[in-house]
Amino acid sequence: MKVDAKTKSLLDEHKRKKKSAEKVDKKDSETKGLEEEGETKGSDDDDDNDDDVNETARQEDVVAKTALDAIMQEFADDLRREPPGGQ
């Protein structure tokens, strides 16, 4: 299937977000597995609040990383060029 450049970049961004979300889910499930084995720290009340904050922070990190990746991809040609003046 052929798509234009803008659509392709949006599709690539969506795929990256999906992969990142899957990695986060996998990491969370591994963490929960450790918790079930008794390797937790602190009280359950603190853990619930920390999990909410951590999940929110992870989601914001994924969004920021995706945006930065898109910017880096967009300006990749400019970044590869030699600076004027030979420095």
C-alpha atoms as a PDB file:
ATOM      1  CA  MET A   1       0.000   0.000   0.000  1.00  0.00           C
ATOM      2  CA  LYS A   2       1.416   3.398  -0.954  1.00  0.00           C
ATOM      3  CA  VAL A   3       0.902   6.428   1.257  1.00  0.00           C
ATOM      4  CA  ASP A   4       2.126   9.994   1.148  1.00  0.00           C
ATOM      5  CA  ALA A   5       5.006  11.165   3.355  1.00  0.00           C
ATOM      6  CA  LYS A   6       2.839  12.841   5.996  1.00  0.00           C
ATOM      7  CA  THR A   7       0.601   9.802   6.362  1.00  0.00           C
ATOM      8  CA  LYS A   8       3.646   7.536   6.531  1.00  0.00           C
ATOM      9  CA  SER A   9       5.183   9.614   9.323  1.00  0.00           C
ATOM     10  CA  LEU A  10       1.901   9.515  11.252  1.00  0.00           C
ATOM     11  CA  LEU A  11       1.661   5.758  10.719  1.00  0.00           C
ATOM     12  CA  ASP A  12       5.261   5.264  11.870  1.00  0.00           C
ATOM     13  CA  GLU A  13       4.591   7.412  14.934  1.00  0.00           C
ATOM     14  CA  HIS A  14       1.502   5.346  15.750  1.00  0.00           C
ATOM     15  CA  LYS A  15       3.496   2.119  15.434  1.00  0.00           C
ATOM     16  CA  ARG A  16       6.207   3.493  17.751  1.00  0.00           C
ATOM     17  CA  LYS A  17       3.600   4.506  20.321  1.00  0.00           C
ATOM     18  CA  LYS A  18       2.023   1.072  20.156  1.00  0.00           C
ATOM     19  CA  LYS A  19       5.371  -0.687  20.603  1.00  0.00           C
ATOM     20  CA  SER A  20       6.292   1.612  23.491  1.00  0.00           C
ATOM     21  CA  ALA A  21       2.950   0.975  25.164  1.00  0.00           C
ATOM     22  CA  GLU A  22       3.443  -2.778  24.777  1.00  0.00           C
ATOM     23  CA  LYS A  23       6.896  -2.502  26.368  1.00  0.00           C
ATOM     24  CA  VAL A  24       5.441  -0.517  29.273  1.00  0.00           C
ATOM     25  CA  ASP A  25       2.666  -3.094  29.713  1.00  0.00           C
ATOM     26  CA  LYS A  26       5.210  -5.912  29.665  1.00  0.00           C
ATOM     27  CA  LYS A  27       7.379  -4.112  32.210  1.00  0.00           C
ATOM     28  CA  ASP A  28       4.345  -3.475  34.431  1.00  0.00           C
ATOM     29  CA  SER A  29       3.316  -7.129  34.305  1.00  0.00           C
ATOM     30  CA  GLU A  30       6.853  -8.180  35.275  1.00  0.00           C
ATOM     31  CA  THR A  31       6.773  -5.728  38.176  1.00  0.00           C
ATOM     32  CA  LYS A  32       3.399  -7.049  39.316  1.00  0.00           C
ATOM     33  CA  GLY A  33       4.780 -10.583  39.164  1.00  0.00           C
ATOM     34  CA  LEU A  34       7.570  -9.592  41.546  1.00  0.00           C
ATOM     35  CA  GLU A  35       5.056  -7.951  43.859  1.00  0.00           C
ATOM     36  CA  GLU A  36       3.008 -11.146  43.978  1.00  0.00           C
ATOM     37  CA  GLU A  37       6.142 -13.047  45.001  1.00  0.00           C
ATOM     38  CA  GLY A  38       6.477 -10.773  48.037  1.00  0.00           C
ATOM     39  CA  GLU A  39       9.248  -8.526  46.768  1.00  0.00           C
ATOM     40  CA  THR A  40       7.397  -5.277  47.425  1.00  0.00           C
ATOM     41  CA  LYS A  41       8.503  -2.287  49.455  1.00  0.00           C
ATOM     42  CA  GLY A  42       6.402   0.121  51.458  1.00  0.00           C
ATOM     43  CA  SER A  43       2.702  -0.049  52.174  1.00  0.00           C
ATOM     44  CA  ASP A  44       0.009  -0.837  49.624  1.00  0.00           C
ATOM     45  CA  ASP A  45      -1.478   2.674  49.890  1.00  0.00           C
ATOM     46  CA  ASP A  46       1.815   4.288  48.891  1.00  0.00           C
ATOM     47  CA  ASP A  47       2.339   1.774  46.084  1.00  0.00           C
ATOM     48  CA  ASP A  48      -1.060   2.505  44.536  1.00  0.00           C
ATOM     49  CA  ASN A  49      -0.363   6.238  44.441  1.00  0.00           C
ATOM     50  CA  ASP A  50       3.182   5.703  43.153  1.00  0.00           C
ATOM     51  CA  ASP A  51       1.891   3.383  40.427  1.00  0.00           C
ATOM     52  CA  ASP A  52      -0.541   6.050  39.235  1.00  0.00           C
ATOM     53  CA  VAL A  53       2.173   8.699  39.182  1.00  0.00           C
ATOM     54  CA  ASN A  54       4.679   6.344  37.574  1.00  0.00           C
ATOM     55  CA  GLU A  55       2.193   5.268  34.890  1.00  0.00           C
ATOM     56  CA  THR A  56       1.342   8.884  34.119  1.00  0.00           C
ATOM     57  CA  ALA A  57       5.030   9.775  33.960  1.00  0.00           C
ATOM     58  CA  ARG A  58       5.706   6.795  31.675  1.00  0.00           C
ATOM     59  CA  GLN A  59       2.913   7.812  29.342  1.00  0.00           C
ATOM     60  CA  GLU A  60       4.185  11.394  29.216  1.00  0.00           C
ATOM     61  CA  ASP A  61       7.703  10.085  28.557  1.00  0.00           C
ATOM     62  CA  VAL A  62       6.448   7.945  25.672  1.00  0.00           C
ATOM     63  CA  VAL A  63       4.620  10.929  24.152  1.00  0.00           C
ATOM     64  CA  ALA A  64       7.676  13.178  24.543  1.00  0.00           C
ATOM     65  CA  LYS A  65      10.041  10.548  23.124  1.00  0.00           C
ATOM     66  CA  THR A  66       7.760   9.963  20.148  1.00  0.00           C
ATOM     67  CA  ALA A  67       7.604  13.693  19.452  1.00  0.00           C
ATOM     68  CA  LEU A  68      11.385  14.012  19.717  1.00  0.00           C
ATOM     69  CA  ASP A  69      11.884  11.013  17.428  1.00  0.00           C
ATOM     70  CA  ALA A  70       9.577  12.604  14.858  1.00  0.00           C
ATOM     71  CA  ILE A  71      11.507  15.888  15.049  1.00  0.00           C
ATOM     72  CA  MET A  72      14.848  14.086  14.730  1.00  0.00           C
ATOM     73  CA  GLN A  73      13.557  12.166  11.721  1.00  0.00           C
ATOM     74  CA  GLU A  74      12.199  15.327  10.132  1.00  0.00           C
ATOM     75  CA  PHE A  75      15.509  17.175  10.488  1.00  0.00           C
ATOM     76  CA  ALA A  76      17.853  14.205   9.946  1.00  0.00           C
ATOM     77  CA  ASP A  77      19.210  15.619   6.687  1.00  0.00           C
ATOM     78  CA  ASP A  78      20.027  18.952   8.329  1.00  0.00           C
ATOM     79  CA  LEU A  79      21.756  17.199  11.222  1.00  0.00           C
ATOM     80  CA  ARG A  80      23.956  15.158   8.856  1.00  0.00           C
ATOM     81  CA  ARG A  81      25.235  18.221   6.982  1.00  0.00           C
ATOM     82  CA  GLU A  82      28.630  19.710   7.706  1.00  0.00           C
ATOM     83  CA  PRO A  83      28.434  23.021   9.574  1.00  0.00           C
ATOM     84  CA  PRO A  84      29.443  26.099   7.594  1.00  0.00           C
ATOM     85  CA  GLY A  85      33.006  27.188   8.202  1.00  0.00           C
ATOM     86  CA  GLY A  86      34.397  23.658   8.499  1.00  0.00           C
ATOM     87  CA  GLN A  87      33.941  23.259  12.267  1.00  0.00           C
END
